[in-house]
C-alpha cells in the first residue's frame, strides 16, 4: 500500500498562488533561521540579565540592537519570500541582514578584545570615574548606582565570554543571510 501526501496546499480562489518554488524555500529557511536564532539569543540575554542578575554593560546593550533589527526583518523577509516578492527586494533585505550581523560581529570582537585587554574600550564603561560630584551626595549615589564595566567579564563558558558568543552567533546568522541572498539571486532556468 502506498500513501501519497499532498505536497501543495491550495490557494483560496481570487488570491495569487503563494506556493514557493524550491528556490524560494531555500530562502525561507535562512530567513526563518535568523529569526529563531536571534530570538533565542535575545531570550538568553534577558535570562542572564533578569534571572541570573548578570547585568549588561553599555557595549552589551549596543550588541543587542542588531538582534532587535534582525528578528523582525528576517520574519518580514520570510513572509515576502512566501508571498513571491520581487527578487531585488528580497536580495536587498538579505543584504541588510548580512551587513547588520557582520557589523555586530565586529562590535562583539571589539568588546571581547576589551575584555582580554587587547585594546582600550570606551571611557564610559572602562575608564576611571572622574566626576564624583559633591561629597555630601556621593554616598547616596554610590548606593544606588551599579557601574557595569565593559572590560570585566562577568561570565565565561569554555573560555568565551558573552561577547565572544555574540561574535559566533552573529557570524552564523550572517552566513544564513548570505545563503538567503544567494538563494534569491539564483535565476530560474527553464
N, C-alpha and C. Protein backbone atom coordinates (compact mmCIF):
# COMPACT_ATOMS: atom_id res chain seq x y z
N UNK A 1 0.84 -1.16 0.00
CA UNK A 1 0.00 0.00 0.00
C UNK A 1 0.89 1.24 0.00
N UNK A 2 0.63 2.16 -0.86
CA UNK A 2 1.39 3.40 -0.91
C UNK A 2 0.52 4.54 -0.41
N UNK A 3 1.17 5.45 0.26
CA UNK A 3 0.47 6.62 0.78
C UNK A 3 1.05 7.83 0.08
N UNK A 4 0.19 8.63 -0.48
CA UNK A 4 0.63 9.86 -1.13
C UNK A 4 0.25 11.04 -0.25
N UNK A 5 1.24 11.83 0.07
CA UNK A 5 0.98 13.01 0.87
C UNK A 5 0.88 14.21 -0.05
N UNK A 6 0.00 15.09 0.25
CA UNK A 6 -0.14 16.31 -0.55
C UNK A 6 1.08 17.18 -0.32
N UNK A 7 1.69 17.60 -1.39
CA UNK A 7 2.87 18.45 -1.29
C UNK A 7 2.56 19.88 -1.64
N UNK A 8 1.32 20.16 -1.95
CA UNK A 8 0.96 21.51 -2.34
C UNK A 8 -0.38 21.86 -1.70
N UNK A 9 -0.39 22.98 -1.01
CA UNK A 9 -1.64 23.45 -0.43
C UNK A 9 -2.40 24.23 -1.49
N UNK A 10 -3.68 24.26 -1.39
CA UNK A 10 -4.47 25.02 -2.36
C UNK A 10 -4.62 26.45 -1.89
N UNK A 11 -4.59 27.35 -2.84
CA UNK A 11 -4.77 28.76 -2.56
C UNK A 11 -6.23 29.11 -2.75
N UNK A 12 -6.81 29.85 -1.82
CA UNK A 12 -8.21 30.23 -1.97
C UNK A 12 -8.46 30.97 -3.29
N UNK A 13 -9.65 30.81 -3.88
CA UNK A 13 -9.96 31.49 -5.13
C UNK A 13 -9.83 33.01 -4.99
N UNK A 14 -9.30 33.63 -6.02
CA UNK A 14 -9.16 35.08 -6.03
C UNK A 14 -7.85 35.59 -5.47
N UNK A 15 -7.05 34.71 -4.85
CA UNK A 15 -5.77 35.13 -4.31
C UNK A 15 -4.65 34.59 -5.20
N UNK A 16 -3.54 35.31 -5.28
CA UNK A 16 -2.43 34.81 -6.08
C UNK A 16 -1.86 33.54 -5.48
N UNK A 17 -1.30 32.68 -6.33
CA UNK A 17 -0.69 31.44 -5.87
C UNK A 17 0.53 31.79 -5.04
N UNK A 18 0.52 31.40 -3.77
CA UNK A 18 1.61 31.77 -2.87
C UNK A 18 2.47 30.56 -2.52
N UNK A 19 2.48 29.57 -3.37
CA UNK A 19 3.32 28.40 -3.12
C UNK A 19 4.73 28.69 -3.61
N UNK A 20 5.70 28.71 -2.72
CA UNK A 20 7.06 28.99 -3.14
C UNK A 20 7.66 27.80 -3.88
N UNK A 21 8.53 28.11 -4.84
CA UNK A 21 9.25 27.05 -5.52
C UNK A 21 10.44 26.62 -4.66
N UNK A 22 11.22 25.68 -5.15
CA UNK A 22 12.35 25.17 -4.37
C UNK A 22 13.35 26.27 -4.04
N UNK A 23 13.56 27.19 -4.99
CA UNK A 23 14.49 28.28 -4.74
C UNK A 23 13.97 29.17 -3.62
N UNK A 24 12.67 29.43 -3.63
CA UNK A 24 12.10 30.27 -2.58
C UNK A 24 12.23 29.59 -1.21
N UNK A 25 12.00 28.28 -1.15
CA UNK A 25 12.14 27.59 0.12
C UNK A 25 13.57 27.69 0.63
N UNK A 26 14.53 27.70 -0.29
CA UNK A 26 15.92 27.82 0.14
C UNK A 26 16.22 29.23 0.65
N UNK A 27 15.30 30.16 0.46
CA UNK A 27 15.44 31.50 1.04
C UNK A 27 14.60 31.64 2.31
N UNK A 28 13.48 30.92 2.38
CA UNK A 28 12.64 30.98 3.58
C UNK A 28 13.38 30.37 4.78
N UNK A 29 14.06 29.28 4.55
CA UNK A 29 14.75 28.59 5.65
C UNK A 29 15.81 29.48 6.31
N UNK A 30 16.70 30.14 5.56
CA UNK A 30 17.68 31.01 6.23
C UNK A 30 17.02 32.19 6.96
N UNK A 31 15.99 32.78 6.35
CA UNK A 31 15.33 33.92 7.00
C UNK A 31 14.68 33.49 8.31
N UNK A 32 14.01 32.35 8.27
CA UNK A 32 13.38 31.84 9.49
C UNK A 32 14.45 31.45 10.52
N UNK A 33 15.53 30.88 10.07
CA UNK A 33 16.64 30.52 10.96
C UNK A 33 17.21 31.74 11.66
N UNK A 34 17.37 32.82 10.93
CA UNK A 34 17.88 34.06 11.53
C UNK A 34 16.94 34.53 12.63
N UNK A 35 15.64 34.52 12.34
CA UNK A 35 14.66 34.98 13.34
C UNK A 35 14.67 34.09 14.57
N UNK A 36 14.72 32.78 14.38
CA UNK A 36 14.70 31.85 15.52
C UNK A 36 15.97 31.97 16.35
N UNK A 37 17.12 31.98 15.70
CA UNK A 37 18.39 32.09 16.42
C UNK A 37 18.48 33.43 17.13
N UNK A 38 18.05 34.49 16.45
CA UNK A 38 18.07 35.82 17.07
C UNK A 38 17.16 35.89 18.29
N UNK A 39 15.95 35.34 18.18
CA UNK A 39 15.02 35.35 19.31
C UNK A 39 15.57 34.53 20.48
N UNK A 40 16.17 33.39 20.18
CA UNK A 40 16.76 32.57 21.24
C UNK A 40 17.92 33.30 21.92
N UNK A 41 18.71 34.01 21.14
CA UNK A 41 19.85 34.74 21.70
C UNK A 41 19.38 35.88 22.60
N UNK A 42 18.39 36.64 22.16
CA UNK A 42 17.87 37.72 22.98
C UNK A 42 17.19 37.17 24.23
N UNK A 43 16.47 36.07 24.09
CA UNK A 43 15.86 35.45 25.26
C UNK A 43 16.93 35.02 26.26
N UNK A 44 18.03 34.48 25.74
CA UNK A 44 19.15 34.11 26.60
C UNK A 44 19.76 35.32 27.30
N UNK A 45 19.91 36.41 26.56
CA UNK A 45 20.47 37.63 27.16
C UNK A 45 19.57 38.15 28.27
N UNK A 46 18.27 38.14 28.02
CA UNK A 46 17.33 38.59 29.05
C UNK A 46 17.33 37.63 30.25
N UNK A 47 17.49 36.33 29.99
CA UNK A 47 17.57 35.36 31.08
C UNK A 47 18.77 35.66 31.97
N UNK A 48 19.94 35.89 31.34
CA UNK A 48 21.13 36.22 32.11
C UNK A 48 20.92 37.48 32.92
N UNK A 49 20.25 38.47 32.32
CA UNK A 49 20.05 39.74 32.99
C UNK A 49 18.99 39.67 34.08
N UNK A 50 17.84 39.13 33.77
CA UNK A 50 16.69 39.19 34.68
C UNK A 50 16.65 38.05 35.70
N UNK A 51 17.14 36.87 35.32
CA UNK A 51 17.07 35.73 36.23
C UNK A 51 18.39 35.52 36.97
N UNK A 52 19.49 35.55 36.24
CA UNK A 52 20.79 35.30 36.86
C UNK A 52 21.45 36.57 37.40
N UNK A 53 20.83 37.72 37.15
CA UNK A 53 21.32 39.03 37.62
C UNK A 53 22.72 39.35 37.11
N UNK A 54 23.01 38.95 35.88
CA UNK A 54 24.25 39.35 35.22
C UNK A 54 23.90 40.55 34.36
N UNK A 55 24.20 41.72 34.88
CA UNK A 55 23.78 42.97 34.23
C UNK A 55 24.68 43.29 33.03
N UNK A 56 24.09 43.77 31.94
CA UNK A 56 24.87 44.09 30.75
C UNK A 56 25.58 45.43 30.88
N UNK A 57 26.74 45.50 30.29
CA UNK A 57 27.47 46.76 30.21
C UNK A 57 26.93 47.55 29.00
N UNK A 58 27.35 48.79 28.81
CA UNK A 58 26.87 49.56 27.66
C UNK A 58 27.15 48.89 26.31
N UNK A 59 28.30 48.26 26.15
CA UNK A 59 28.60 47.58 24.88
C UNK A 59 27.71 46.35 24.68
N UNK A 60 27.39 45.66 25.76
CA UNK A 60 26.47 44.52 25.66
C UNK A 60 25.12 44.98 25.13
N UNK A 61 24.64 46.09 25.67
CA UNK A 61 23.34 46.61 25.24
C UNK A 61 23.38 47.03 23.77
N UNK A 62 24.48 47.62 23.33
CA UNK A 62 24.61 48.02 21.93
C UNK A 62 24.61 46.81 21.00
N UNK A 63 25.16 45.69 21.45
CA UNK A 63 25.19 44.49 20.62
C UNK A 63 23.80 43.90 20.43
N UNK A 64 22.87 44.23 21.29
CA UNK A 64 21.50 43.73 21.15
C UNK A 64 20.76 44.43 20.01
N UNK A 65 21.17 45.63 19.63
CA UNK A 65 20.45 46.38 18.59
C UNK A 65 20.34 45.59 17.29
N UNK A 66 21.40 44.90 16.92
CA UNK A 66 21.37 44.12 15.67
C UNK A 66 20.31 43.03 15.73
N UNK A 67 20.13 42.43 16.89
CA UNK A 67 19.10 41.40 17.04
C UNK A 67 17.70 42.01 16.96
N UNK A 68 17.55 43.20 17.56
CA UNK A 68 16.24 43.87 17.51
C UNK A 68 15.89 44.27 16.08
N UNK A 69 16.88 44.47 15.25
CA UNK A 69 16.64 44.73 13.82
C UNK A 69 16.44 43.42 13.07
N UNK A 70 17.29 42.45 13.33
CA UNK A 70 17.32 41.22 12.53
C UNK A 70 16.08 40.35 12.71
N UNK A 71 15.56 40.26 13.92
CA UNK A 71 14.42 39.36 14.16
C UNK A 71 13.20 39.77 13.33
N UNK A 72 12.70 41.00 13.46
CA UNK A 72 11.53 41.34 12.65
C UNK A 72 11.83 41.42 11.16
N UNK A 73 13.04 41.87 10.80
CA UNK A 73 13.39 41.96 9.38
C UNK A 73 13.47 40.57 8.75
N UNK A 74 13.99 39.60 9.48
CA UNK A 74 14.05 38.23 8.97
C UNK A 74 12.66 37.64 8.81
N UNK A 75 11.78 37.91 9.78
CA UNK A 75 10.39 37.42 9.66
C UNK A 75 9.69 38.07 8.47
N UNK A 76 9.89 39.36 8.29
CA UNK A 76 9.32 40.05 7.13
C UNK A 76 9.87 39.47 5.83
N UNK A 77 11.16 39.21 5.80
CA UNK A 77 11.79 38.65 4.61
C UNK A 77 11.21 37.27 4.29
N UNK A 78 11.05 36.43 5.30
CA UNK A 78 10.47 35.10 5.08
C UNK A 78 9.05 35.22 4.53
N UNK A 79 8.28 36.13 5.09
CA UNK A 79 6.90 36.32 4.61
C UNK A 79 6.88 36.83 3.17
N UNK A 80 7.79 37.72 2.85
CA UNK A 80 7.84 38.25 1.48
C UNK A 80 8.31 37.20 0.49
N UNK A 81 9.21 36.33 0.91
CA UNK A 81 9.63 35.23 0.03
C UNK A 81 8.43 34.35 -0.28
N UNK A 82 7.69 34.00 0.76
CA UNK A 82 6.50 33.15 0.56
C UNK A 82 5.44 33.83 -0.31
N UNK A 83 5.36 35.15 -0.21
CA UNK A 83 4.37 35.90 -0.99
C UNK A 83 4.83 36.13 -2.43
N UNK A 84 6.05 35.73 -2.75
CA UNK A 84 6.54 35.90 -4.11
C UNK A 84 7.01 37.31 -4.43
N UNK A 85 7.56 38.00 -3.45
CA UNK A 85 8.06 39.37 -3.66
C UNK A 85 9.17 39.38 -4.70
N UNK A 86 9.40 40.51 -5.33
CA UNK A 86 10.47 40.61 -6.33
C UNK A 86 11.84 40.26 -5.75
N UNK A 87 12.61 39.55 -6.53
CA UNK A 87 13.93 39.11 -6.06
C UNK A 87 14.85 40.26 -5.67
N UNK A 88 14.85 41.41 -6.39
CA UNK A 88 15.73 42.51 -5.95
C UNK A 88 15.39 43.01 -4.53
N UNK A 89 14.10 43.04 -4.21
CA UNK A 89 13.70 43.44 -2.86
C UNK A 89 14.21 42.43 -1.84
N UNK A 90 14.02 41.16 -2.12
CA UNK A 90 14.47 40.12 -1.20
C UNK A 90 15.99 40.15 -1.05
N UNK A 91 16.68 40.33 -2.15
CA UNK A 91 18.14 40.40 -2.09
C UNK A 91 18.58 41.58 -1.23
N UNK A 92 17.89 42.71 -1.34
CA UNK A 92 18.22 43.88 -0.53
C UNK A 92 18.01 43.60 0.96
N UNK A 93 16.92 42.93 1.28
CA UNK A 93 16.64 42.61 2.68
C UNK A 93 17.69 41.66 3.25
N UNK A 94 18.05 40.63 2.48
CA UNK A 94 19.09 39.72 2.95
C UNK A 94 20.44 40.43 3.08
N UNK A 95 20.72 41.37 2.17
CA UNK A 95 21.98 42.12 2.25
C UNK A 95 22.02 42.98 3.51
N UNK A 96 20.90 43.64 3.82
CA UNK A 96 20.84 44.45 5.05
C UNK A 96 21.05 43.56 6.27
N UNK A 97 20.41 42.40 6.29
CA UNK A 97 20.60 41.46 7.40
C UNK A 97 22.07 41.06 7.53
N UNK A 98 22.68 40.69 6.41
CA UNK A 98 24.08 40.26 6.44
C UNK A 98 24.99 41.38 6.94
N UNK A 99 24.79 42.59 6.44
CA UNK A 99 25.65 43.71 6.86
C UNK A 99 25.47 44.04 8.34
N UNK A 100 24.22 44.05 8.81
CA UNK A 100 23.98 44.35 10.22
C UNK A 100 24.62 43.30 11.12
N UNK A 101 24.52 42.05 10.72
CA UNK A 101 25.06 40.97 11.56
C UNK A 101 26.58 40.90 11.50
N UNK A 102 27.16 41.21 10.36
CA UNK A 102 28.63 41.29 10.27
C UNK A 102 29.14 42.45 11.12
N UNK A 103 28.44 43.58 11.06
CA UNK A 103 28.82 44.73 11.89
C UNK A 103 28.71 44.36 13.38
N UNK A 104 27.68 43.62 13.74
CA UNK A 104 27.51 43.20 15.13
C UNK A 104 28.62 42.25 15.55
N UNK A 105 29.05 41.37 14.64
CA UNK A 105 30.18 40.50 14.95
C UNK A 105 31.44 41.35 15.19
N UNK A 106 31.58 42.42 14.42
CA UNK A 106 32.71 43.33 14.63
C UNK A 106 32.64 44.01 15.99
N UNK A 107 31.44 44.44 16.38
CA UNK A 107 31.27 45.07 17.69
C UNK A 107 31.55 44.06 18.81
N UNK A 108 31.11 42.82 18.62
CA UNK A 108 31.40 41.78 19.60
C UNK A 108 32.88 41.49 19.70
N UNK A 109 33.57 41.50 18.57
CA UNK A 109 35.03 41.30 18.57
C UNK A 109 35.73 42.43 19.31
N UNK A 110 35.27 43.66 19.05
CA UNK A 110 35.81 44.82 19.76
C UNK A 110 35.61 44.65 21.27
N UNK A 111 34.41 44.26 21.67
CA UNK A 111 34.11 44.09 23.09
C UNK A 111 34.95 42.96 23.70
N UNK A 112 35.07 41.83 23.00
CA UNK A 112 35.88 40.73 23.51
C UNK A 112 37.34 41.16 23.64
N UNK A 113 37.82 41.95 22.70
CA UNK A 113 39.20 42.47 22.78
C UNK A 113 39.41 43.35 23.99
N UNK A 114 38.41 44.13 24.34
CA UNK A 114 38.48 44.96 25.55
C UNK A 114 38.55 44.06 26.77
N UNK A 115 37.73 43.02 26.78
CA UNK A 115 37.73 42.10 27.92
C UNK A 115 39.06 41.39 28.08
N UNK A 116 39.73 41.08 26.98
CA UNK A 116 41.03 40.41 27.04
C UNK A 116 42.18 41.41 27.16
N UNK A 117 41.86 42.70 27.29
CA UNK A 117 42.86 43.79 27.41
C UNK A 117 43.76 43.89 26.18
N UNK A 118 43.22 43.57 25.01
CA UNK A 118 43.99 43.73 23.77
C UNK A 118 44.01 45.18 23.34
N UNK A 119 42.98 45.94 23.70
CA UNK A 119 42.90 47.37 23.42
C UNK A 119 41.99 48.01 24.45
N UNK A 120 42.04 49.33 24.49
CA UNK A 120 41.23 50.07 25.45
C UNK A 120 39.81 50.23 24.91
N UNK A 121 38.87 50.28 25.82
CA UNK A 121 37.47 50.46 25.46
C UNK A 121 37.03 51.89 25.67
N UNK A 122 35.76 52.14 25.47
CA UNK A 122 35.23 53.49 25.68
C UNK A 122 35.32 53.89 27.15
N UNK A 123 35.56 55.15 27.39
CA UNK A 123 35.76 55.61 28.77
C UNK A 123 34.50 55.55 29.61
N UNK A 124 33.33 55.51 28.99
CA UNK A 124 32.11 55.47 29.81
C UNK A 124 31.90 54.13 30.51
N UNK A 125 32.63 53.09 30.08
CA UNK A 125 32.47 51.81 30.78
C UNK A 125 33.79 51.10 31.07
N UNK A 126 34.92 51.77 30.80
CA UNK A 126 36.19 51.14 31.13
C UNK A 126 37.17 52.10 31.80
N UNK A 127 36.94 53.39 31.68
CA UNK A 127 37.88 54.37 32.20
C UNK A 127 37.64 54.70 33.66
N UNK A 128 38.48 55.58 34.18
CA UNK A 128 38.32 55.98 35.58
C UNK A 128 37.09 56.87 35.74
N UNK A 129 36.56 56.88 36.94
CA UNK A 129 35.43 57.75 37.27
C UNK A 129 36.01 59.04 37.82
N UNK A 130 35.88 60.13 37.06
CA UNK A 130 36.49 61.40 37.45
C UNK A 130 35.51 62.34 38.15
N UNK A 131 34.28 62.43 37.69
CA UNK A 131 33.32 63.38 38.22
C UNK A 131 32.47 62.70 39.29
N UNK A 132 32.84 62.89 40.54
CA UNK A 132 32.12 62.26 41.63
C UNK A 132 31.12 63.20 42.29
N UNK A 133 31.10 64.46 41.88
CA UNK A 133 30.15 65.41 42.44
C UNK A 133 30.55 65.83 43.86
N UNK A 134 29.57 66.33 44.60
CA UNK A 134 29.85 66.81 45.96
C UNK A 134 29.98 65.62 46.92
N UNK A 135 30.72 65.84 47.97
CA UNK A 135 30.96 64.77 48.94
C UNK A 135 29.68 64.37 49.67
N UNK A 136 28.77 65.31 49.89
CA UNK A 136 27.54 65.03 50.61
C UNK A 136 26.64 64.05 49.89
N UNK A 137 26.57 64.12 48.58
CA UNK A 137 25.68 63.23 47.83
C UNK A 137 26.42 62.01 47.26
N UNK A 138 27.72 61.95 47.47
CA UNK A 138 28.50 60.85 46.92
C UNK A 138 28.04 59.51 47.47
N UNK A 139 27.84 59.42 48.76
CA UNK A 139 27.43 58.15 49.37
C UNK A 139 26.07 57.71 48.85
N UNK A 140 25.14 58.64 48.70
CA UNK A 140 23.81 58.30 48.18
C UNK A 140 23.91 57.77 46.76
N UNK A 141 24.72 58.41 45.93
CA UNK A 141 24.86 57.97 44.54
C UNK A 141 25.56 56.62 44.45
N UNK A 142 26.54 56.39 45.29
CA UNK A 142 27.26 55.12 45.26
C UNK A 142 26.37 53.96 45.68
N UNK A 143 25.38 54.21 46.53
CA UNK A 143 24.48 53.16 46.97
C UNK A 143 23.42 52.83 45.92
N UNK A 144 23.14 53.73 45.01
CA UNK A 144 22.08 53.50 44.03
C UNK A 144 22.61 53.17 42.64
N UNK A 145 23.86 53.43 42.37
CA UNK A 145 24.41 53.22 41.03
C UNK A 145 25.33 52.01 41.03
N UNK A 146 25.09 51.12 40.08
CA UNK A 146 25.97 49.97 39.90
C UNK A 146 26.60 50.12 38.52
N UNK A 147 27.90 50.38 38.51
CA UNK A 147 28.61 50.57 37.26
C UNK A 147 29.03 49.21 36.72
N UNK A 148 28.59 48.91 35.52
CA UNK A 148 28.96 47.66 34.87
C UNK A 148 30.08 47.98 33.89
N UNK A 149 31.23 47.43 34.15
CA UNK A 149 32.41 47.73 33.32
C UNK A 149 32.47 46.81 32.12
N UNK A 150 32.87 47.39 30.99
CA UNK A 150 32.98 46.63 29.74
C UNK A 150 34.23 45.76 29.70
N UNK A 151 35.20 46.06 30.53
CA UNK A 151 36.46 45.32 30.49
C UNK A 151 36.54 44.20 31.53
N UNK A 152 35.46 43.98 32.25
CA UNK A 152 35.43 42.90 33.23
C UNK A 152 34.40 41.86 32.81
N UNK A 153 34.87 40.65 32.61
CA UNK A 153 33.99 39.56 32.18
C UNK A 153 33.19 39.08 33.39
N UNK A 154 31.89 39.02 33.23
CA UNK A 154 31.03 38.57 34.32
C UNK A 154 30.75 37.08 34.25
N UNK A 155 30.92 36.48 33.06
CA UNK A 155 30.59 35.07 32.88
C UNK A 155 31.37 34.52 31.69
N UNK A 156 31.95 33.37 31.86
CA UNK A 156 32.65 32.67 30.76
C UNK A 156 32.20 31.22 30.73
N UNK A 157 32.17 30.67 29.52
CA UNK A 157 31.92 29.24 29.35
C UNK A 157 32.84 28.78 28.23
N UNK A 158 33.62 27.75 28.49
CA UNK A 158 34.61 27.22 27.55
C UNK A 158 35.57 28.31 27.08
N UNK A 159 35.88 29.23 27.98
CA UNK A 159 36.85 30.27 27.69
C UNK A 159 36.30 31.48 26.97
N UNK A 160 35.03 31.46 26.58
CA UNK A 160 34.44 32.59 25.86
C UNK A 160 33.48 33.34 26.76
N UNK A 161 33.52 34.66 26.63
CA UNK A 161 32.55 35.49 27.34
C UNK A 161 31.29 35.60 26.47
N UNK A 162 30.29 36.29 26.99
CA UNK A 162 29.08 36.50 26.21
C UNK A 162 29.37 37.31 24.95
N UNK A 163 30.32 38.23 25.02
CA UNK A 163 30.71 38.98 23.82
C UNK A 163 31.30 38.05 22.77
N UNK A 164 32.09 37.07 23.20
CA UNK A 164 32.66 36.10 22.27
C UNK A 164 31.58 35.24 21.63
N UNK A 165 30.61 34.82 22.43
CA UNK A 165 29.50 34.05 21.86
C UNK A 165 28.66 34.90 20.90
N UNK A 166 28.55 36.19 21.20
CA UNK A 166 27.84 37.08 20.29
C UNK A 166 28.52 37.10 18.92
N UNK A 167 29.85 37.10 18.91
CA UNK A 167 30.59 37.08 17.64
C UNK A 167 30.21 35.83 16.84
N UNK A 168 30.27 34.67 17.50
CA UNK A 168 29.97 33.42 16.81
C UNK A 168 28.53 33.36 16.31
N UNK A 169 27.59 33.79 17.15
CA UNK A 169 26.17 33.75 16.77
C UNK A 169 25.90 34.74 15.64
N UNK A 170 26.48 35.93 15.73
CA UNK A 170 26.28 36.92 14.67
C UNK A 170 26.86 36.44 13.34
N UNK A 171 28.01 35.78 13.38
CA UNK A 171 28.61 35.25 12.15
C UNK A 171 27.75 34.12 11.56
N UNK A 172 27.20 33.27 12.43
CA UNK A 172 26.30 32.22 11.95
C UNK A 172 25.08 32.83 11.28
N UNK A 173 24.48 33.82 11.91
CA UNK A 173 23.31 34.47 11.34
C UNK A 173 23.65 35.21 10.04
N UNK A 174 24.83 35.82 9.98
CA UNK A 174 25.27 36.49 8.75
C UNK A 174 25.45 35.46 7.63
N UNK A 175 25.99 34.29 7.97
CA UNK A 175 26.14 33.23 6.96
C UNK A 175 24.78 32.79 6.44
N UNK A 176 23.79 32.71 7.33
CA UNK A 176 22.43 32.38 6.88
C UNK A 176 21.88 33.46 5.97
N UNK A 177 22.13 34.72 6.30
CA UNK A 177 21.67 35.82 5.45
C UNK A 177 22.33 35.75 4.08
N UNK A 178 23.61 35.41 4.03
CA UNK A 178 24.29 35.28 2.74
C UNK A 178 23.77 34.09 1.95
N UNK A 179 23.40 33.01 2.66
CA UNK A 179 22.78 31.86 1.98
C UNK A 179 21.44 32.26 1.40
N UNK A 180 20.67 33.04 2.13
CA UNK A 180 19.40 33.54 1.61
C UNK A 180 19.59 34.46 0.42
N UNK A 181 20.60 35.30 0.51
CA UNK A 181 20.93 36.20 -0.61
C UNK A 181 21.29 35.40 -1.85
N UNK A 182 22.08 34.38 -1.65
CA UNK A 182 22.47 33.52 -2.78
C UNK A 182 21.24 32.81 -3.37
N UNK A 183 20.34 32.36 -2.51
CA UNK A 183 19.15 31.66 -2.97
C UNK A 183 18.25 32.56 -3.82
N UNK A 184 18.09 33.82 -3.41
CA UNK A 184 17.22 34.69 -4.19
C UNK A 184 17.92 35.24 -5.41
N UNK A 185 19.26 35.18 -5.43
CA UNK A 185 19.99 35.66 -6.60
C UNK A 185 20.01 34.64 -7.73
N UNK A 186 19.72 33.39 -7.42
CA UNK A 186 19.70 32.33 -8.43
C UNK A 186 18.53 32.58 -9.37
N UNK A 187 18.81 32.60 -10.65
CA UNK A 187 17.73 32.82 -11.62
C UNK A 187 17.14 31.48 -12.00
N UNK A 188 15.85 31.49 -12.30
CA UNK A 188 15.18 30.26 -12.69
C UNK A 188 15.62 29.87 -14.10
N UNK A 189 15.88 28.61 -14.26
CA UNK A 189 16.21 28.09 -15.59
C UNK A 189 14.99 27.30 -16.07
N UNK A 190 14.66 27.49 -17.28
CA UNK A 190 13.52 26.73 -17.71
C UNK A 190 13.38 26.78 -19.13
